[in-house]
Protein backbone atom coordinates (compact mmCIF):
# COMPACT_ATOMS: atom_id res chain seq x y z
CA MET A 1 83.38 85.52 54.33
CA ALA A 2 87.07 84.85 53.75
CA PRO A 3 87.97 81.15 54.23
CA ASP A 4 90.48 81.88 56.98
CA SER A 5 88.30 84.39 58.87
CA VAL A 6 87.36 82.02 61.70
CA GLN A 7 90.99 81.05 62.23
CA GLU A 8 92.06 84.71 62.22
CA TYR A 9 89.27 85.54 64.67
CA GLN A 10 90.41 82.80 67.04
CA LYS A 11 94.02 84.02 66.87
CA LEU A 12 92.90 87.53 67.77
CA ILE A 13 90.89 86.30 70.76
CA VAL A 14 93.78 84.20 72.07
CA LYS A 15 96.14 87.17 71.80
CA ALA A 16 93.56 89.49 73.34
CA ASN A 17 93.20 87.16 76.32
CA ASP A 18 96.98 87.17 76.70
CA TYR A 19 96.96 90.97 76.78
CA HIS A 20 94.16 90.80 79.37
CA LYS A 21 96.35 88.75 81.69
CA LYS A 22 99.08 91.39 81.37
CA ALA A 23 96.59 94.28 81.85
CA LEU A 24 97.58 95.69 78.45
CA TRP A 25 94.19 97.24 77.83
CA GLN A 26 95.04 99.39 74.82
CA GLU A 27 96.50 96.39 73.00
CA LYS A 28 93.52 94.21 73.88
CA LEU A 29 91.09 96.90 72.73
CA ARG A 30 92.75 97.10 69.32
CA LEU A 31 92.50 93.35 68.82
CA LEU A 32 88.85 93.24 69.91
CA GLN A 33 88.00 95.97 67.43
CA GLU A 34 89.67 93.95 64.68
CA ALA A 35 87.74 90.85 65.78
CA LEU A 36 84.50 92.84 65.60
CA ALA A 37 85.28 93.79 62.02
CA ILE A 38 85.65 90.09 61.16
CA CYS A 39 82.28 89.33 62.79
CA GLU A 40 80.65 91.79 60.40
CA GLU A 41 81.63 89.64 57.40
CA PRO A 42 78.62 87.95 55.76
CA GLY A 43 78.20 84.35 56.82
CA PHE A 44 80.47 84.51 59.84
CA PRO A 45 79.30 81.70 62.21
CA GLU A 46 77.48 82.63 65.45
CA ALA A 47 78.07 86.28 64.66
CA GLU A 48 75.39 87.58 67.06
CA VAL A 49 76.74 85.70 70.07
CA ARG A 50 80.35 86.58 69.28
CA ARG A 51 79.49 90.24 68.78
CA GLN A 52 77.66 90.27 72.12
CA GLU A 53 80.71 88.85 73.89
CA LEU A 54 83.05 91.30 72.14
CA PHE A 55 80.84 94.29 73.00
CA TYR A 56 80.91 93.16 76.62
CA ASP A 57 84.69 92.81 76.64
CA VAL A 58 85.17 96.24 75.03
CA ALA A 59 82.89 97.74 77.68
CA GLY A 60 85.04 96.13 80.36
CA ILE A 61 88.16 97.78 78.95
CA TRP A 62 86.56 101.22 78.83
CA ARG A 63 85.37 100.69 82.40
CA ARG A 64 88.90 99.82 83.50
CA LEU A 65 90.17 102.94 81.76
CA GLY A 66 87.63 105.04 83.66
CA GLN A 67 85.55 105.90 80.58
CA TYR A 68 82.17 104.99 82.03
CA ASP A 69 79.93 106.67 79.47
CA ARG A 70 81.63 104.75 76.67
CA ALA A 71 81.44 101.56 78.71
CA LYS A 72 77.67 101.96 79.18
CA LYS A 73 77.13 102.39 75.44
CA TRP A 74 79.03 99.20 74.69
CA LEU A 75 77.11 97.30 77.37
CA GLN A 76 73.85 98.47 75.82
CA GLN A 77 75.04 97.23 72.43
CA SER A 78 75.93 93.93 74.06
CA LEU A 79 72.40 93.51 75.41
CA GLU A 80 70.89 94.35 72.02
CA ALA A 81 73.25 92.16 69.97
CA PHE A 82 71.65 88.87 71.02
CA PRO A 83 68.22 88.96 72.74
CA GLY A 84 68.53 85.29 73.74
CA ALA A 85 71.43 85.86 76.12
CA SER A 86 71.62 83.59 79.15
CA SER A 87 70.74 84.72 82.66
CA SER A 88 74.41 84.37 83.65
CA PHE A 89 75.48 86.69 80.85
CA ARG A 90 72.84 89.26 81.73
CA ALA A 91 74.03 89.00 85.33
CA SER A 92 77.56 89.83 84.24
CA ILE A 93 76.31 92.96 82.45
CA LEU A 94 74.49 94.04 85.60
CA GLY A 95 77.75 93.50 87.48
CA GLU A 96 79.61 95.84 85.12
CA LEU A 97 76.91 98.51 85.50
CA GLY A 98 77.14 98.13 89.26
CA VAL A 99 80.91 98.59 89.25
CA MET A 100 80.57 101.79 87.24
CA ALA A 101 77.88 103.09 89.59
CA ARG A 102 80.12 102.39 92.59
CA HIS A 103 83.09 104.16 91.01
CA ASN A 104 80.79 107.15 90.49
CA ASN A 105 79.83 107.07 94.19
CA ARG A 106 76.26 105.95 93.48
CA PHE A 107 76.50 103.28 96.15
CA LEU A 108 72.79 102.48 96.59
CA GLU A 109 72.37 102.08 92.84
CA ALA A 110 75.46 99.86 92.77
CA GLN A 111 74.17 97.76 95.67
CA GLU A 112 70.86 97.13 93.88
CA ALA A 113 72.67 96.18 90.66
CA PHE A 114 74.85 93.67 92.50
CA ARG A 115 71.85 92.16 94.29
CA GLU A 116 70.04 91.72 90.97
CA GLN A 117 73.23 90.27 89.47
CA GLY A 118 73.33 87.67 92.26
CA ARG A 119 69.59 86.90 91.90
CA LEU A 120 69.87 86.31 88.15
CA ALA A 121 72.91 84.07 88.65
CA ARG A 122 71.15 82.03 91.36
CA ASP A 123 68.08 81.58 89.13
CA ALA A 124 70.22 80.39 86.21
CA PRO A 125 70.87 76.66 85.64
CA PRO A 126 73.78 75.46 87.81
CA SER A 127 77.11 76.11 86.10
CA VAL A 128 80.59 77.46 86.68
CA GLU A 129 79.52 80.70 84.99
CA ALA A 130 76.62 81.15 87.41
CA ASP A 131 78.80 80.41 90.45
CA ALA A 132 81.37 82.90 89.17
CA GLU A 133 78.74 85.63 88.87
CA ILE A 134 77.43 84.91 92.40
CA CYS A 135 80.99 85.18 93.75
CA ARG A 136 81.60 88.44 91.93
CA ALA A 137 78.23 89.89 92.94
CA ILE A 138 78.56 89.24 96.69
CA GLY A 139 82.04 90.72 96.78
CA ASN A 140 81.08 93.87 94.93
CA GLU A 141 77.94 94.23 97.04
CA GLY A 142 80.18 93.95 100.11
CA MET A 143 82.34 96.82 98.85
CA SER A 144 79.25 98.96 98.21
CA THR A 145 77.99 98.16 101.70
CA TYR A 146 81.35 99.24 103.10
CA ASN A 147 81.14 102.51 101.13
CA LEU A 148 77.64 103.16 102.51
CA SER A 149 78.82 102.43 106.06
CA GLN A 150 81.39 105.22 105.76
CA GLN A 151 78.92 107.89 104.63
CA THR A 152 77.49 108.56 108.08
CA GLN A 153 79.04 110.15 111.17
CA PRO A 154 79.63 108.13 113.19
CA ASN A 155 80.06 105.30 110.72
CA ASP A 156 77.23 102.76 110.53
CA ALA A 157 78.44 99.73 112.54
CA THR A 158 75.60 97.51 111.30
CA LEU A 159 76.43 98.13 107.65
CA LEU A 160 80.11 97.63 108.37
CA ALA A 161 79.37 94.25 109.97
CA THR A 162 77.35 93.29 106.88
CA ALA A 163 80.27 94.30 104.66
CA PHE A 164 82.55 92.04 106.73
CA THR A 165 80.18 89.13 106.16
CA GLN A 166 79.77 89.72 102.43
CA LEU A 167 83.48 90.09 101.72
CA ARG A 168 84.29 86.96 103.72
CA GLU A 169 81.68 85.10 101.70
CA ARG A 170 83.35 86.41 98.54
CA ILE A 171 86.71 85.00 99.69
CA THR A 172 85.18 81.62 100.60
CA ARG A 173 83.28 81.32 97.31
CA ALA A 174 86.40 82.24 95.33
CA ARG A 175 88.42 79.54 97.09
CA ASP A 176 85.66 76.96 96.59
CA LEU A 177 85.49 77.81 92.90
CA GLN A 178 89.24 77.38 92.54
CA GLN A 179 89.08 73.95 94.18
CA ARG A 180 86.20 72.89 91.94
CA LEU A 181 88.00 73.94 88.77
CA LEU A 182 91.22 72.29 89.89
CA THR A 183 89.51 68.93 89.35
CA GLU A 184 86.88 69.75 86.71
CA ASP A 185 88.63 72.16 84.33
CA PRO A 186 92.08 73.49 85.32
CA GLN A 187 92.35 75.44 82.03
CA SER A 188 89.09 77.35 82.57
CA LYS A 189 89.36 81.13 82.34
CA TYR A 190 87.47 81.26 85.64
CA ALA A 191 90.39 79.63 87.47
CA ALA A 192 92.56 82.76 87.19
CA MET A 193 89.54 85.00 87.77
CA ALA A 194 88.62 83.18 90.99
CA LYS A 195 92.18 83.63 92.24
CA SER A 196 92.00 87.35 91.52
CA TRP A 197 88.57 87.62 93.21
CA GLU A 198 89.96 85.93 96.32
CA ILE A 199 92.87 88.40 96.51
CA ILE A 200 90.67 91.41 95.77
CA GLY A 201 88.22 90.28 98.45
CA MET A 202 91.03 90.05 101.01
CA ASP A 203 92.41 93.45 100.02
CA ARG A 204 89.00 95.07 100.42
CA LEU A 205 88.51 93.30 103.72
CA THR A 206 91.47 95.32 105.04
CA LEU A 207 89.36 98.48 104.63
CA CYS A 208 86.70 97.02 106.91
CA HIS A 209 89.30 96.17 109.54
CA ILE A 210 90.74 99.69 109.35
CA ALA A 211 87.25 101.22 109.68
CA ALA A 212 86.67 99.03 112.76
CA GLY A 213 89.95 100.19 114.29
CA GLU A 214 91.53 96.75 113.84
CA THR A 215 94.66 97.94 112.00
CA ALA A 216 96.83 94.99 113.07
CA ASP A 217 94.23 92.61 111.64
CA ALA A 218 94.20 94.66 108.45
CA VAL A 219 97.97 94.17 108.10
CA HIS A 220 97.61 90.44 108.79
CA VAL A 221 94.96 90.03 106.06
CA ALA A 222 97.02 92.13 103.63
CA GLU A 223 100.09 89.99 104.28
CA GLU A 224 98.06 86.86 103.60
CA SER A 225 96.89 88.42 100.34
CA GLN A 226 100.51 89.08 99.36
CA ARG A 227 101.44 85.45 100.05
CA ARG A 228 98.63 84.27 97.77
CA GLN A 229 99.68 86.52 94.89
CA THR A 230 100.56 84.79 91.63
CA ARG A 231 101.94 88.04 90.11
CA GLU A 232 100.33 87.02 86.81
CA ASP A 233 97.86 89.92 86.78
CA PRO A 234 99.82 93.18 87.15
CA THR A 235 96.66 95.17 87.82
CA VAL A 236 95.73 92.98 90.78
CA THR A 237 99.35 93.14 91.97
CA GLY A 238 99.40 96.94 91.81
CA PHE A 239 96.13 97.30 93.68
CA SER A 240 97.15 94.72 96.24
CA LYS A 241 100.36 96.58 97.03
CA PHE A 242 98.31 99.72 97.48
CA PHE A 243 95.99 98.06 100.01
CA TYR A 244 98.93 96.48 101.82
CA GLY A 245 100.62 99.87 102.08
CA ASN A 246 97.34 101.43 103.21
CA ALA A 247 97.03 98.87 106.04
CA LEU A 248 100.64 99.45 107.09
CA TRP A 249 100.13 103.21 107.03
CA HIS A 250 97.10 103.06 109.30
CA ASN A 251 98.99 100.71 111.61
CA GLY A 252 101.71 103.32 112.07
CA GLN A 253 104.27 101.54 109.85
CA ARG A 254 104.81 104.42 107.47
CA ASP A 255 108.26 103.54 106.11
CA GLU A 256 107.03 100.03 105.29
CA ALA A 257 103.96 101.54 103.62
CA LEU A 258 106.10 103.76 101.38
CA GLU A 259 108.21 100.75 100.46
CA GLN A 260 105.09 99.00 99.14
CA TRP A 261 103.69 102.02 97.38
CA ASN A 262 106.94 102.85 95.60
CA ALA A 263 107.88 99.27 94.69
CA PRO A 264 107.79 98.30 90.97
CA SER A 265 104.63 96.35 90.28
CA GLY A 266 104.22 95.71 86.57
CA THR A 267 101.88 97.76 84.42
CA CYS A 268 99.69 99.07 87.25
CA SER A 269 101.64 100.64 90.07
CA SER A 270 100.23 101.61 93.43
CA PRO A 271 100.11 105.31 92.47
CA MET A 272 97.92 104.27 89.53
CA ALA A 273 95.69 102.41 91.95
CA PHE A 274 95.52 105.55 94.08
CA CYS A 275 93.52 107.18 91.29
CA LYS A 276 90.78 104.55 91.59
CA GLU A 277 90.61 103.86 95.32
CA PRO A 278 90.76 106.20 98.35
CA GLY A 279 94.21 106.77 99.82
CA LYS A 280 96.76 109.28 101.07
CA ASP A 281 99.80 111.03 99.64
CA ALA A 282 102.63 110.27 101.98
CA GLY A 283 105.68 110.79 99.82
CA VAL A 284 104.63 108.23 97.22
CA ASN A 285 106.34 108.47 93.83
CA PHE A 286 103.67 109.75 91.47
CA ASP A 287 106.23 110.81 88.85
CA SER A 288 106.49 107.42 87.15
CA TYR A 289 104.92 105.76 84.13
CA ASP A 290 103.49 102.30 83.58
CA GLU A 291 104.35 100.13 80.57
CA GLN A 292 101.65 101.87 78.56
CA GLY A 293 103.30 105.24 79.17
CA PHE A 294 100.58 106.43 81.59
CA SER A 295 101.34 108.30 84.78
CA ALA A 296 99.08 108.54 87.82
CA LEU A 297 98.11 112.03 86.63
CA ASP A 298 97.27 110.61 83.18
CA HIS A 299 94.99 107.99 84.75
CA ALA A 300 93.23 110.62 86.86
CA VAL A 301 92.68 112.98 83.91
CA LEU A 302 91.59 110.17 81.57
CA SER A 303 89.03 108.79 83.99
CA ASP A 304 85.40 109.87 84.31
CA SER A 305 85.39 108.79 87.97
CA PRO A 306 84.72 111.56 90.54
CA ASP A 307 87.24 109.88 92.86
CA ALA A 308 89.93 110.06 90.20
CA ARG A 309 89.13 113.71 89.49
CA GLU A 310 89.33 114.50 93.18
CA ALA A 311 92.76 112.85 93.21
CA ILE A 312 94.18 115.35 90.68
CA PRO A 313 95.04 118.10 93.22
CA ILE A 314 96.52 115.48 95.57
CA ILE A 315 98.69 114.10 92.79
CA GLU A 316 99.62 117.62 91.73
CA GLU A 317 100.71 118.51 95.25
CA ALA A 318 102.77 115.30 95.47
CA LEU A 319 104.42 116.15 92.15
CA ARG A 320 105.16 119.67 93.37
CA LYS A 321 106.96 118.33 96.43
CA ALA A 322 108.99 115.85 94.37
CA LEU A 323 109.89 118.44 91.73
CA ARG A 324 110.91 120.97 94.36
CA ARG A 325 113.19 118.39 96.01
CA ASP A 326 114.78 117.54 92.66
CA ILE A 327 115.34 121.19 91.68
CA GLU A 328 116.81 122.07 95.07
CA SER A 329 119.17 119.11 94.72
CA ASP A 330 120.19 119.96 91.14
CA TYR A 331 120.51 123.71 91.70
CA PRO A 332 121.82 124.41 95.21
CA GLY A 333 121.29 128.01 96.22
CA MET A 334 118.59 128.75 93.64
CA PRO A 335 116.19 131.39 95.03
CA GLN A 336 112.89 129.95 96.24
CA GLU A 337 110.97 132.22 93.88
CA ASP A 338 112.82 130.77 90.88
CA ILE A 339 112.30 127.23 92.16
CA GLY A 340 108.58 127.89 92.50
CA ARG A 341 108.45 129.21 88.95
CA LYS A 342 110.23 126.13 87.57
CA VAL A 343 107.88 123.84 89.51
CA ASP A 344 104.86 125.69 88.09
CA GLU A 345 106.23 125.29 84.56
CA GLU A 346 106.77 121.55 85.05
CA ILE A 347 103.27 121.06 86.47
CA LEU A 348 101.75 122.85 83.48
CA ILE A 349 103.69 120.55 81.14
CA ARG A 350 102.48 117.42 82.96
CA LYS A 351 98.86 118.58 83.00
CA ARG A 352 98.96 119.50 79.32
CA GLN A 353 100.48 116.14 78.46
CA ALA A 354 97.79 114.33 80.47
CA GLU A 355 95.05 116.21 78.62
CA LEU A 356 96.81 115.51 75.33
CA ARG A 357 96.78 111.80 76.17
CA ARG A 358 93.04 112.05 76.63
CA GLN A 359 92.63 113.67 73.22
CA TYR A 360 95.06 111.26 71.55
CA ARG A 361 93.15 108.29 72.85
CA THR A 362 89.89 109.70 71.49
CA ILE A 363 91.15 110.54 68.03
CA LEU A 364 93.21 107.37 67.62
CA GLN A 365 90.75 104.84 69.04
CA GLU A 366 87.54 106.31 67.63
CA HIS A 367 88.60 108.06 64.43
CA ILE A 368 92.05 107.19 63.05
CA ARG A 369 92.53 103.50 63.91
CA PRO A 370 89.20 102.28 62.43
CA GLU A 371 90.27 103.70 59.09
CA LEU A 372 93.80 102.28 59.37
CA ARG A 373 92.34 98.81 59.96
CA THR A 374 90.39 98.90 56.69
CA LYS A 375 93.71 99.03 54.79
CA SER A 376 91.86 100.33 51.74
CA SER A 377 93.48 102.01 48.73
CA GLY A 378 92.02 105.36 49.73
CA SER A 379 92.97 105.12 53.40
CA PHE A 380 95.34 108.10 53.46
CA ARG A 381 92.86 110.51 51.88
CA LYS A 382 90.23 109.30 54.35
CA LEU A 383 92.66 109.66 57.25
CA ARG A 384 93.39 113.27 56.33
CA THR A 385 89.71 114.05 55.89
CA THR A 386 88.86 112.33 59.18
CA TYR A 387 91.49 114.35 61.04
CA ALA A 388 90.38 117.63 59.46
CA ARG A 389 86.76 116.95 60.39
CA PHE A 390 87.74 115.98 63.92
CA LEU A 391 89.46 119.34 64.42
CA SER A 392 86.58 121.24 62.83
CA GLU A 393 83.94 119.72 65.11
CA ASP A 394 85.48 120.45 68.51
CA THR A 395 87.11 123.72 69.53
CA LYS A 396 89.06 122.03 72.34
CA GLU A 397 90.87 119.73 69.90
CA ARG A 398 91.53 122.69 67.60
CA ARG A 399 93.35 124.30 70.53
CA MET A 400 95.35 121.14 71.24
CA PHE A 401 96.50 120.15 67.72
CA SER A 402 97.45 121.97 64.56
CA SER A 403 95.94 121.17 61.17
CA PHE A 404 97.73 118.88 58.73
CA HIS A 405 99.92 120.87 56.33
CA TYR A 406 102.19 119.97 53.44
CA VAL A 407 104.11 121.55 50.54
CA LYS A 408 103.51 120.56 46.92
CA TYR A 409 106.58 118.87 45.49
CA THR A 410 106.47 121.08 42.37
CA ASP A 411 106.44 124.23 44.56
CA PHE A 412 109.27 122.82 46.68
CA MET A 413 111.33 122.15 43.55
CA ARG A 414 110.80 125.66 42.16
CA HIS A 415 111.55 127.30 45.53
CA GLY A 416 115.16 126.11 45.40
CA LYS A 417 115.63 125.94 49.18
CA LEU A 418 113.87 124.67 52.28
CA PRO A 419 110.68 126.74 52.68
CA ILE A 420 109.76 128.15 56.09
CA SER A 421 106.19 128.11 57.39
CA THR A 422 105.81 131.80 56.47
CA SER A 423 106.93 131.34 52.85
CA GLY A 424 103.37 131.00 51.56
CA LEU A 425 103.96 127.54 50.06
CA THR A 426 102.29 125.52 52.81
CA LYS A 427 98.88 124.03 52.07
CA GLN A 428 96.31 122.84 54.62
CA PHE A 429 94.52 119.63 53.80
CA ALA A 430 90.78 119.82 53.05
CA ASP A 431 90.06 123.44 53.92
CA GLY A 432 86.32 123.67 54.56
CA VAL A 433 86.11 119.88 55.04
CA GLY A 434 83.18 119.57 52.68
CA GLU A 435 82.36 116.41 50.77
CA THR A 436 83.95 117.84 47.59
CA ALA A 437 86.73 119.82 49.27
CA ALA A 438 89.39 117.12 48.83
CA THR A 439 88.96 116.47 45.07
CA ASP A 440 92.12 118.37 44.12
CA GLU A 441 94.22 117.31 47.09
CA ASP A 442 97.59 115.67 46.49
CA ASP A 443 97.38 111.89 46.58
CA PHE A 444 100.74 110.96 48.07
CA ILE A 445 102.65 112.76 50.84
CA ILE A 446 106.20 112.04 51.99
CA PHE A 447 107.33 112.90 55.52
CA PHE A 448 110.97 114.04 55.61
CA SER A 449 112.90 113.19 58.79
CA TYR A 450 116.23 114.96 58.82
CA ARG A 451 118.81 116.65 61.00
CA TRP A 452 119.01 120.44 61.20
CA VAL A 453 122.53 121.09 59.91
CA GLY A 454 122.46 124.88 60.06
CA GLY A 455 122.24 125.30 63.84
CA ILE A 456 119.10 127.33 64.42
CA VAL A 457 118.00 126.78 60.80
CA PRO A 458 117.57 123.40 59.08
CA ASP A 459 119.94 123.85 56.14
CA ASP A 460 123.43 125.19 55.48
CA ASP A 461 124.47 127.87 53.00
CA ASN A 462 125.01 125.23 50.30
CA GLY A 463 121.42 123.96 50.56
CA THR A 464 122.68 120.47 51.41
CA GLN A 465 119.40 119.19 52.86
CA TRP A 466 117.27 120.65 50.06
CA CYS A 467 119.50 118.95 47.49
CA ARG A 468 119.30 115.66 49.37
CA MET A 469 115.51 115.88 49.56
CA MET A 470 115.32 116.51 45.81
CA SER A 471 117.61 113.56 45.11
CA ALA A 472 115.66 111.30 47.47
CA VAL A 473 112.32 112.21 45.89
CA GLN A 474 113.63 111.58 42.38
CA GLU A 475 114.88 108.12 43.41
CA PHE A 476 111.61 107.45 45.23
CA LEU A 477 109.62 108.30 42.10
CA GLU A 478 111.78 105.91 40.06
CA VAL A 479 110.98 102.95 42.34
CA ASN A 480 107.35 104.03 42.83
CA PRO A 481 106.19 104.89 39.29
CA HIS A 482 102.54 104.96 40.40
CA VAL A 483 103.23 108.19 42.34
CA GLN A 484 102.71 111.21 40.08
CA PRO A 485 105.11 114.15 40.67
CA ASP A 486 102.34 116.71 40.18
CA ARG A 487 100.20 114.89 42.81
CA LEU A 488 103.00 114.61 45.37
CA GLY A 489 103.23 116.56 48.62
CA LEU A 490 106.06 116.85 51.14
CA TRP A 491 105.92 117.26 54.92
CA LEU A 492 108.91 118.88 56.58
CA ASP A 493 108.87 120.48 59.99
CA TYR A 494 110.36 123.84 58.93
CA ALA A 495 107.45 124.43 56.55
CA CYS A 496 104.60 122.52 58.17
CA ILE A 497 105.04 123.53 61.83
CA ASP A 498 104.65 127.24 62.60
CA GLN A 499 108.14 128.67 63.21
CA GLU A 500 107.03 132.13 64.37
CA ASN A 501 104.24 131.66 66.92
CA GLU A 502 105.42 129.60 69.92
CA GLN A 503 101.92 128.46 70.89
CA GLU A 504 101.18 127.31 67.34
CA LYS A 505 104.60 125.66 67.22
CA GLU A 506 103.76 123.67 70.34
CA ARG A 507 100.49 122.53 68.77
CA GLY A 508 102.38 121.39 65.70
CA VAL A 509 104.88 119.38 67.74
CA ASP A 510 102.06 117.81 69.77
CA ALA A 511 100.38 116.73 66.53
CA LEU A 512 103.57 115.09 65.20
CA PRO A 513 102.33 111.45 65.57
CA LEU A 514 99.14 112.42 63.77
CA ALA A 515 101.13 114.08 60.97
CA VAL A 516 103.28 110.95 60.56
CA THR A 517 100.11 108.82 60.44
CA GLN A 518 98.68 110.87 57.56
CA CYS A 519 101.82 110.61 55.42
CA ASN A 520 102.14 107.68 53.02
CA ALA A 521 105.87 107.37 53.46
CA MET A 522 108.83 108.66 55.45
CA ILE A 523 112.29 109.30 54.07
CA SER A 524 115.09 109.63 56.61
CA LEU A 525 118.07 111.69 55.46
CA VAL A 526 120.68 109.59 57.22
CA ASP A 527 124.16 110.92 57.90
CA GLY A 528 126.87 110.14 60.43
CA THR A 529 124.92 111.53 63.39
CA TYR A 530 121.28 111.10 62.30
CA TYR A 531 120.63 108.21 64.68
CA GLU A 532 122.25 110.11 67.54
CA ARG A 533 119.53 112.78 67.43
CA ALA A 534 116.46 112.13 69.58
CA TRP A 535 114.01 113.98 67.32
CA CYS A 536 115.05 111.92 64.29
CA VAL A 537 114.73 108.62 66.13
CA VAL A 538 111.32 109.51 67.59
CA GLU A 539 110.01 110.15 64.08
CA VAL A 540 111.38 106.81 62.91
CA MET A 541 109.86 104.99 65.90
CA LEU A 542 106.45 106.49 65.16
CA MET A 543 106.60 105.36 61.53
CA ARG A 544 107.82 101.89 62.46
CA ALA A 545 104.92 101.47 64.89
CA LEU A 546 102.52 102.23 62.03
CA MET A 547 104.26 99.91 59.60
CA GLU A 548 104.29 97.00 62.05
CA SER A 549 100.65 97.52 62.96
CA TYR A 550 98.89 98.13 59.66
CA GLY A 551 101.28 97.58 56.75
CA LEU A 552 100.14 100.71 54.90
CA HIS A 553 103.11 103.03 55.38
CA GLN A 554 106.61 103.00 53.89
CA TRP A 555 109.92 103.98 55.45
CA TRP A 556 113.03 104.71 53.40
CA GLU A 557 116.57 105.81 54.24
CA HIS A 558 118.58 108.13 52.00
CA SER A 559 122.24 107.55 52.77
CA ASN A 560 125.50 108.01 50.81
CA GLY A 561 123.60 109.28 47.81
CA SER A 562 121.21 106.35 47.46
CA LEU A 563 117.74 105.37 48.62
CA LYS A 564 116.95 102.08 50.35
CA LYS A 565 114.18 100.66 52.54
CA GLY A 566 114.67 101.31 56.25
CA GLU A 567 115.88 98.55 58.55
CA ALA A 568 112.94 97.76 60.83
CA ASP A 569 114.91 95.67 63.34
CA CYS A 570 117.12 98.46 64.71
CA VAL A 571 116.78 99.07 68.46
CA PHE A 572 117.10 102.57 69.89
CA ASP A 573 117.39 103.99 73.41
CA VAL A 574 115.96 107.47 72.96
CA SER A 575 116.76 108.49 76.54
CA SER A 576 120.49 108.48 75.73
CA LEU A 577 120.25 110.42 72.47
CA LYS A 578 121.18 114.07 71.92
CA LEU A 579 118.97 117.16 71.97
CA THR A 580 120.06 120.69 71.17
CA LYS A 581 117.67 122.06 73.80
CA GLU A 582 117.85 119.30 76.38
CA LYS A 583 115.73 120.77 79.20
CA LEU A 584 113.13 122.24 76.84
CA ASP A 585 112.75 119.30 74.46
CA ARG A 586 113.32 116.21 76.66
CA PRO A 587 109.76 116.26 78.09
CA LYS A 588 108.40 116.54 74.53
CA ILE A 589 110.50 113.60 73.37
CA ASP A 590 109.39 111.47 76.32
CA PHE A 591 105.78 112.38 75.63
CA LEU A 592 105.99 111.54 71.91
CA MET A 593 107.63 108.21 72.66
CA ARG A 594 104.68 107.37 74.88
CA GLN A 595 102.34 108.32 72.03
CA SER A 596 104.04 105.76 69.81
CA LYS A 597 102.60 103.11 72.15
CA LEU A 598 99.10 104.33 71.31
CA LEU A 599 99.76 103.70 67.62
CA GLY A 600 99.91 100.09 68.67
CA ARG A 601 100.97 96.68 67.46
CA ASP A 602 97.82 95.00 66.12
CA ASN A 603 99.89 92.23 64.58
CA ALA A 604 102.03 91.62 67.67
């Protein structure tokens, strides 16, 4: 075990908890995975207990992201990591399983899990942890009871009355716990949790009032919940605004409801909440993104929840209405048939992007990032092999992303100009993906980011960009003598993204962040307008995200005939930068910028 491993572990946990408070789940997940790697080091103290806690926390993130199958697997690992877990901890695992069952509409199963959670917590020695689990259990059981009361026609009044009682007990217990901690341990993590449980209990209580026809009471409770908000947890804030709007809507105050639903609310907006709880589309803005770059449609597609899946056509219809309004405003007099066609095209783009996000999250979280974190000398070869195997194992991903291609530097030099994808010089990494397939692969690959200076072609008649690439490589080899020219490959879009087949071209563009990840270095051919071009800046932002996170990649600028390391502190506003095909490429640029967030900031 490294001497500073415990200190590094503690730093990661502190930062992860900070991300938790901000509902930055992707960032927290990355840090927990790094902490798990530290726990695997020989001699790490209390490794079993720490691993159990980390498995549990990872499961909680996957549950929040709607990936219930993954969450269950991590919970199972948590149970197996340390057989001597306390009753309170086992109760918390039951609580997580119950939440997932409820989100999958298995309300009786959820109710039983919450009852067992409460029983285990009551049987445990008295403690804050046990009281917290009892509070959480009774509130979640109350929500399951409410769900069951709504499954019959007419609704079951007895079950609804029980739900009222259970949710009110949740609110009381949460307030009592806050008061206790105020004197005993104000810094306890349960202090903030108890506050959230109180607010969530009040928000859910509004559903009971609405079901009982007491809409004015629902608004009153929702308003009280808003007054008690601390705004520290953006997820709770987003959900709370949703429930407040829902109460207003049912009370006939529809303009006020829309005001709540469309109000900014941190990283989890009310439309995001819509994908996890029942609601209505009433002109709510679903065409927005949270700080992680997720839209409501993304959340619905990414989730395993039946409720979220059922929300997809509702979200799609809301997007259609909004897009139609925008097009009619931008293009007065456009025939309705043409408007309908443009709306259909936009919807297809959004749905494809949402599915791409799902695939990106899988390949980055489960395949690419674990290798990046090892920071080993052979990481890039392993990354390329991992990506090739990922595409070979699943036909759906093969349809979404193109393979990783490159051009040998020696072939590029002999060619004398920028090669196109049909020139026959492009190689695909690890064809066949066998254990020995990569033995003759090139060791080092440079990604060239450059401006197309020939209009519809990347170079001018003088071969300016080819000459600059040759000059940049020669300088790069001088300052990196360990890189062998005959083992060097180059990635450039004109050669490595299909330029003839539009569908293949789209797959190549969608795979751009993955191509950048697999290249050892990027060289930007900077000129007077390089940083005015959106495509160039997106490529730089992707590489910078990798450099800041893992420290494996290099970024260089070739400017005024010389090569220098790129300036990592530059700030760019991609939305204001130029595109040759604005309407066609802007959605792609926006999408790729959101993917840069998935590459992460492990060292943030």
